[in-house]
Amino acid sequence: MPAAPAPTAAARAAAPPLTAVVAAARAPHAGWLADALAEVRRDPRAADGAFPLAGRRVGRAPLRPATDPAGVVHGTVDDAARAALVLALGAAHRGDADRLAAHLADLYRAGDTAERRGVLRGLDALAVASGGDLPAPVVAVGRDLAADALRANDTSLVAAAVGPFAAAHLDQHTWRHAVVKLVFQGTGLDAVAALDDRADAELARMARDLAAERRAAGRAVPDDLSRLTTPAPAGAAAGPTRTVDTEEP
């Protein structure tokens, strides 16, 4: 079987975007989360107990309630807490990439949907912290976990699988199909990190085909499809795709 196509040169060169979840994960913390992070840095297995508790301890509110009341696109408070725990886990394993990769896989496979989202968004935080240059074992596991999430029907899992880690490390074929799946599920494309950097002619063709199929079936065509079929003007600034610099914190 031929190797999967790599991310585009532009995507490899671009720094992973700072999303709302990643920004919150990297912010100073207090209370239960601060204590949990300190414990994980001392003993990485403390993450196994902290991960399931995060939602009850910090809450499950959306990070951007005005524009994303369900927390699907920009994430939730507990997503950010678990992403912070993953950052602490990376520090705790002290450069042992194989152990970190295995631990992330264990947390994902043992977790519920919210915990799985936390691992995926934690991979985003690790990607941003490393400038996209993650160790090969972590990248390999991250791709496997993202592929699993992208097979799911849960919109929050799919949205969590197209963040900065995906922008830096998913092959173009998988990434394109993830974007089209979001449109099919009705999830806004602001969920996709670095969309403008990675969008290409093949994605535009897929979007046109999907629009044609929906018109032929007498179904509404999502507005987001035009975002994929109309390229941004040369030199235009990128829109507010999953960044922390929009109107909400």
Protein backbone atom coordinates (compact mmCIF):
# COMPACT_ATOMS: atom_id res chain seq x y z
CA MET A 1 0.00 0.00 0.00
CA PRO A 2 1.44 3.43 -0.90
CA ALA A 3 2.30 5.81 1.90
CA ALA A 4 -0.36 8.37 2.81
CA PRO A 5 0.31 11.86 1.46
CA ALA A 6 2.02 14.15 3.94
CA PRO A 7 0.70 17.51 5.10
CA THR A 8 1.37 20.34 2.68
CA ALA A 9 4.60 22.30 2.89
CA ALA A 10 2.67 25.35 4.07
CA ALA A 11 1.08 23.37 6.88
CA ARG A 12 4.42 21.96 7.97
CA ALA A 13 6.00 25.40 7.99
CA ALA A 14 3.20 27.17 9.86
CA ALA A 15 3.24 27.26 13.65
CA PRO A 16 0.27 25.39 15.15
CA PRO A 17 -2.54 27.86 15.90
CA LEU A 18 -3.37 28.84 19.47
CA THR A 19 -6.96 27.69 20.03
CA ALA A 20 -9.27 28.59 22.89
CA VAL A 21 -8.65 25.22 24.57
CA VAL A 22 -4.88 25.46 24.22
CA ALA A 23 -4.83 29.03 25.51
CA ALA A 24 -6.86 28.00 28.56
CA ALA A 25 -4.70 24.93 29.11
CA ARG A 26 -1.55 27.05 29.12
CA ALA A 27 -2.95 29.74 31.44
CA PRO A 28 -2.15 29.87 35.18
CA HIS A 29 -4.37 27.55 37.23
CA ALA A 30 -5.65 27.48 40.79
CA GLY A 31 -7.59 25.20 43.12
CA TRP A 32 -8.16 21.56 42.27
CA LEU A 33 -6.59 21.78 38.82
CA ALA A 34 -3.39 23.39 40.10
CA ASP A 35 -3.07 20.64 42.71
CA ALA A 36 -3.80 17.94 40.12
CA LEU A 37 -1.20 19.32 37.72
CA ALA A 38 1.43 19.37 40.45
CA GLU A 39 0.61 15.78 41.37
CA VAL A 40 0.83 14.62 37.74
CA ARG A 41 4.24 16.27 37.37
CA ARG A 42 5.39 14.30 40.43
CA ASP A 43 3.73 11.04 39.42
CA PRO A 44 2.40 10.64 35.87
CA ARG A 45 -0.03 7.91 36.92
CA ALA A 46 -1.93 10.54 38.89
CA ALA A 47 -3.39 11.55 35.53
CA ASP A 48 -5.37 8.30 35.50
CA GLY A 49 -7.44 9.53 38.44
CA ALA A 50 -7.53 13.21 37.52
CA PHE A 51 -8.82 12.71 33.98
CA PRO A 52 -12.23 11.25 34.95
CA LEU A 53 -12.66 13.83 37.73
CA ALA A 54 -12.01 16.92 35.65
CA GLY A 55 -15.58 17.56 34.53
CA ARG A 56 -16.98 17.39 38.04
CA ARG A 57 -14.18 19.52 39.48
CA VAL A 58 -13.93 22.35 36.95
CA GLY A 59 -17.30 22.16 35.18
CA ARG A 60 -18.32 21.49 31.62
CA ALA A 61 -19.23 24.98 30.43
CA PRO A 62 -18.35 26.06 26.88
CA LEU A 63 -15.31 28.28 26.56
CA ARG A 64 -17.13 30.58 24.12
CA PRO A 65 -20.81 30.41 25.09
CA ALA A 66 -21.98 33.29 22.88
CA THR A 67 -20.83 31.72 19.61
CA ASP A 68 -20.45 28.06 20.58
CA PRO A 69 -23.04 27.30 23.29
CA ALA A 70 -22.54 23.53 23.09
CA GLY A 71 -18.74 23.78 23.29
CA VAL A 72 -18.33 21.61 20.20
CA VAL A 73 -16.31 23.98 18.03
CA HIS A 74 -14.12 25.80 20.56
CA GLY A 75 -14.25 23.32 23.43
CA THR A 76 -15.27 23.31 27.05
CA VAL A 77 -13.72 24.11 30.40
CA ASP A 78 -13.10 20.45 31.13
CA ASP A 79 -11.51 20.00 27.67
CA ALA A 80 -9.03 22.70 28.66
CA ALA A 81 -8.40 21.14 32.08
CA ARG A 82 -7.63 17.77 30.53
CA ALA A 83 -5.40 19.41 27.91
CA ALA A 84 -3.48 21.01 30.80
CA LEU A 85 -3.17 17.57 32.40
CA VAL A 86 -1.70 16.23 29.15
CA LEU A 87 0.86 19.05 29.15
CA ALA A 88 1.78 18.11 32.72
CA LEU A 89 1.99 14.48 31.65
CA GLY A 90 4.45 15.42 28.94
CA ALA A 91 6.63 17.10 31.54
CA ALA A 92 6.28 14.14 33.91
CA HIS A 93 7.53 11.61 31.39
CA ARG A 94 10.61 13.77 30.93
CA GLY A 95 11.38 13.10 27.30
CA ASP A 96 10.41 9.42 27.29
CA ALA A 97 8.28 9.65 24.16
CA ASP A 98 7.34 5.96 24.12
CA ARG A 99 5.94 6.11 27.66
CA LEU A 100 4.08 9.33 26.94
CA ALA A 101 2.57 7.90 23.76
CA ALA A 102 1.47 4.72 25.54
CA HIS A 103 -0.02 6.69 28.42
CA LEU A 104 -2.02 8.91 26.07
CA ALA A 105 -3.33 5.84 24.27
CA ASP A 106 -4.36 4.29 27.61
CA LEU A 107 -6.19 7.44 28.70
CA TYR A 108 -8.03 7.62 25.40
CA ARG A 109 -9.04 3.98 25.21
CA ALA A 110 -10.16 3.82 28.85
CA GLY A 111 -12.03 7.11 28.71
CA ASP A 112 -15.54 8.23 27.91
CA THR A 113 -16.24 10.72 25.12
CA ALA A 114 -15.25 13.74 27.21
CA GLU A 115 -11.99 12.11 28.28
CA ARG A 116 -11.21 11.14 24.70
CA ARG A 117 -11.78 14.74 23.67
CA GLY A 118 -9.39 15.75 26.42
CA VAL A 119 -6.63 13.55 25.02
CA LEU A 120 -7.16 14.92 21.50
CA ARG A 121 -7.12 18.50 22.71
CA GLY A 122 -4.13 17.65 24.87
CA LEU A 123 -2.32 16.55 21.72
CA ASP A 124 -3.16 20.00 20.35
CA ALA A 125 -1.55 21.58 23.41
CA LEU A 126 1.55 19.41 23.02
CA ALA A 127 1.75 20.33 19.32
CA VAL A 128 1.61 24.03 20.12
CA ALA A 129 4.13 23.70 22.96
CA SER A 130 6.55 21.89 20.65
CA GLY A 131 5.99 24.15 17.66
CA GLY A 132 4.56 21.13 15.86
CA ASP A 133 7.77 19.11 16.27
CA LEU A 134 6.53 16.21 18.38
CA PRO A 135 8.47 12.94 18.83
CA ALA A 136 7.65 10.22 16.35
CA PRO A 137 5.95 7.85 18.87
CA VAL A 138 3.60 10.62 20.02
CA VAL A 139 2.79 11.57 16.42
CA ALA A 140 2.07 7.94 15.53
CA VAL A 141 -0.26 7.43 18.47
CA GLY A 142 -1.89 10.80 17.91
CA ARG A 143 -2.66 9.91 14.31
CA ASP A 144 -4.19 6.59 15.42
CA LEU A 145 -6.37 8.31 18.03
CA ALA A 146 -7.44 11.02 15.60
CA ALA A 147 -8.37 8.36 13.04
CA ASP A 148 -10.49 6.60 15.67
CA ALA A 149 -12.24 9.86 16.59
CA LEU A 150 -12.91 10.67 12.95
CA ARG A 151 -14.75 7.38 12.55
CA ALA A 152 -17.15 8.39 15.33
CA ASN A 153 -20.56 9.95 14.89
CA ASP A 154 -20.14 12.20 17.94
CA THR A 155 -19.64 15.71 16.58
CA SER A 156 -17.58 16.82 19.57
CA LEU A 157 -15.04 14.05 18.99
CA VAL A 158 -14.74 14.84 15.29
CA ALA A 159 -14.30 18.54 16.04
CA ALA A 160 -11.64 17.77 18.66
CA ALA A 161 -9.71 15.73 16.10
CA VAL A 162 -9.14 18.60 13.64
CA GLY A 163 -7.15 20.97 15.85
CA PRO A 164 -3.49 22.01 15.78
CA PHE A 165 -2.22 18.43 16.03
CA ALA A 166 -4.21 17.49 12.94
CA ALA A 167 -3.07 20.61 11.11
CA ALA A 168 0.55 19.65 11.70
CA HIS A 169 0.43 15.87 11.42
CA LEU A 170 -2.59 14.38 9.62
CA ASP A 171 -2.01 13.36 6.02
CA GLN A 172 -3.88 15.40 3.45
CA HIS A 173 -6.29 12.64 2.43
CA THR A 174 -7.45 12.01 6.01
CA TRP A 175 -7.60 15.72 6.77
CA ARG A 176 -9.77 16.51 3.73
CA HIS A 177 -12.27 13.80 4.63
CA ALA A 178 -12.40 15.08 8.21
CA VAL A 179 -13.29 18.56 6.97
CA VAL A 180 -16.04 17.23 4.71
CA LYS A 181 -17.39 15.10 7.55
CA LEU A 182 -17.73 18.20 9.73
CA VAL A 183 -19.80 19.88 7.01
CA PHE A 184 -21.91 16.74 6.62
CA GLN A 185 -22.52 16.70 10.39
CA GLY A 186 -23.38 20.39 10.49
CA THR A 187 -20.41 21.46 12.59
CA GLY A 188 -18.95 24.87 11.79
CA LEU A 189 -15.59 24.90 10.06
CA ASP A 190 -14.16 27.22 12.70
CA ALA A 191 -13.46 23.87 14.39
CA VAL A 192 -10.66 23.25 11.88
CA ALA A 193 -7.24 24.60 12.75
CA ALA A 194 -5.25 26.12 9.87
CA LEU A 195 -8.08 25.53 7.41
CA ASP A 196 -6.89 28.20 4.99
CA ASP A 197 -3.31 26.86 5.08
CA ARG A 198 -4.28 23.29 4.23
CA ALA A 199 -7.30 23.69 1.94
CA ASP A 200 -6.49 22.68 -1.62
CA ALA A 201 -8.06 22.09 -5.02
CA GLU A 202 -9.05 18.52 -4.18
CA LEU A 203 -10.93 19.66 -1.07
CA ALA A 204 -12.71 22.29 -3.19
CA ARG A 205 -13.71 19.57 -5.67
CA MET A 206 -15.07 17.39 -2.85
CA ALA A 207 -17.05 20.33 -1.51
CA ARG A 208 -18.52 21.08 -4.94
CA ASP A 209 -19.51 17.45 -5.36
CA LEU A 210 -21.20 17.41 -1.95
CA ALA A 211 -23.06 20.63 -2.77
CA ALA A 212 -24.24 19.16 -6.08
CA GLU A 213 -25.43 15.97 -4.38
CA ARG A 214 -27.43 17.95 -1.82
CA ARG A 215 -29.02 20.15 -4.49
CA ALA A 216 -29.95 17.08 -6.54
CA ALA A 217 -31.60 15.58 -3.48
CA GLY A 218 -33.51 18.79 -2.77
CA ARG A 219 -31.58 19.41 0.44
CA ALA A 220 -30.13 22.64 1.75
CA VAL A 221 -26.48 23.35 0.98
CA PRO A 222 -24.54 24.39 4.11
CA ASP A 223 -23.00 27.85 3.92
CA ASP A 224 -19.64 26.39 4.95
CA LEU A 225 -19.32 24.61 1.61
CA SER A 226 -18.80 27.96 -0.10
CA ARG A 227 -15.89 28.57 2.26
CA LEU A 228 -14.21 25.50 0.79
CA THR A 229 -14.95 26.25 -2.84
CA THR A 230 -14.08 29.96 -2.81
CA PRO A 231 -10.36 30.45 -2.24
CA ALA A 232 -9.23 33.41 -0.16
CA PRO A 233 -7.76 36.29 -2.22
CA ALA A 234 -3.98 36.25 -2.48
CA GLY A 235 -2.45 38.08 0.47
CA ALA A 236 -5.72 38.17 2.42
CA ALA A 237 -5.52 37.75 6.17
CA ALA A 238 -6.82 34.47 7.50
CA GLY A 239 -10.17 34.47 9.25
CA PRO A 240 -10.70 33.69 12.96
CA THR A 241 -10.34 29.95 12.60
CA ARG A 242 -10.04 28.41 16.06
CA THR A 243 -7.86 31.16 17.44
CA VAL A 244 -8.01 32.83 20.79
CA ASP A 245 -8.02 36.30 19.23
CA THR A 246 -11.72 36.55 18.48
CA GLU A 247 -14.32 38.45 20.45
CA GLU A 248 -14.63 35.94 23.29
CA PRO A 249 -12.02 34.75 25.80
